[in-house]
Amino acid sequence: MYKYGLGSAPTFRKALGALIEKGFVDRDRDTYSLIDVFFEKWIRMNFAIDHSG
């Protein structure tokens, strides 16, 4: 989590819970989806994630 500047696991879980509660993120079992396309674009622009490993 620190690699992406997300803080500690408890802090991340609390923030994720708030995003779910506010309707920005949807949860289906262990899958999370961004609901707001503009928020998703902002996340992608500001938190570029390298999936190469």
Protein backbone atom coordinates (compact mmCIF):
# COMPACT_ATOMS: atom_id res chain seq x y z
CA MET A 1 0.00 0.00 0.00
CA TYR A 2 2.86 2.35 0.73
CA LYS A 3 4.14 1.81 -2.81
CA TYR A 4 1.10 3.72 -4.11
CA GLY A 5 0.97 6.29 -1.32
CA LEU A 6 -2.19 4.78 0.20
CA GLY A 7 -1.03 4.73 3.81
CA SER A 8 -1.58 1.88 6.22
CA ALA A 9 -4.07 -0.94 5.65
CA PRO A 10 -6.51 0.31 8.35
CA THR A 11 -6.42 3.83 6.88
CA PHE A 12 -7.04 2.47 3.39
CA ARG A 13 -9.96 0.30 4.56
CA LYS A 14 -11.55 3.28 6.31
CA ALA A 15 -11.20 5.45 3.20
CA LEU A 16 -12.56 2.66 0.97
CA GLY A 17 -15.54 2.23 3.30
CA ALA A 18 -16.27 5.95 3.08
CA LEU A 19 -16.11 5.84 -0.73
CA ILE A 20 -18.54 2.91 -0.76
CA GLU A 21 -20.88 4.72 1.64
CA LYS A 22 -20.83 7.88 -0.51
CA GLY A 23 -21.57 5.92 -3.68
CA PHE A 24 -18.24 6.39 -5.48
CA VAL A 25 -17.29 2.72 -5.22
CA ASP A 26 -19.40 -0.42 -5.50
CA ARG A 27 -18.50 -3.74 -3.88
CA ASP A 28 -19.54 -7.17 -5.10
CA ARG A 29 -17.94 -9.83 -2.90
CA ASP A 30 -14.18 -9.22 -3.30
CA THR A 31 -14.47 -6.97 -6.36
CA TYR A 32 -14.56 -3.20 -6.15
CA SER A 33 -15.66 -0.94 -9.01
CA LEU A 34 -15.56 2.81 -9.43
CA ILE A 35 -19.06 4.05 -10.22
CA ASP A 36 -18.29 7.65 -11.18
CA VAL A 37 -16.44 7.73 -14.53
CA PHE A 38 -14.93 11.14 -13.78
CA PHE A 39 -13.64 9.95 -10.40
CA GLU A 40 -12.18 6.90 -12.13
CA LYS A 41 -10.41 9.13 -14.65
CA TRP A 42 -9.04 11.32 -11.83
CA ILE A 43 -7.78 8.23 -9.97
CA ARG A 44 -6.06 6.93 -13.11
CA MET A 45 -4.45 10.32 -13.82
CA ASN A 46 -3.23 10.87 -10.26
CA PHE A 47 -2.31 7.33 -9.23
CA ALA A 48 -0.71 5.74 -12.26
CA ILE A 49 -0.28 2.08 -11.36
CA ASP A 50 2.34 -0.06 -13.02
CA HIS A 51 0.88 -3.55 -13.50
CA SER A 52 4.16 -5.06 -14.75
CA GLY A 53 4.98 -6.36 -11.30
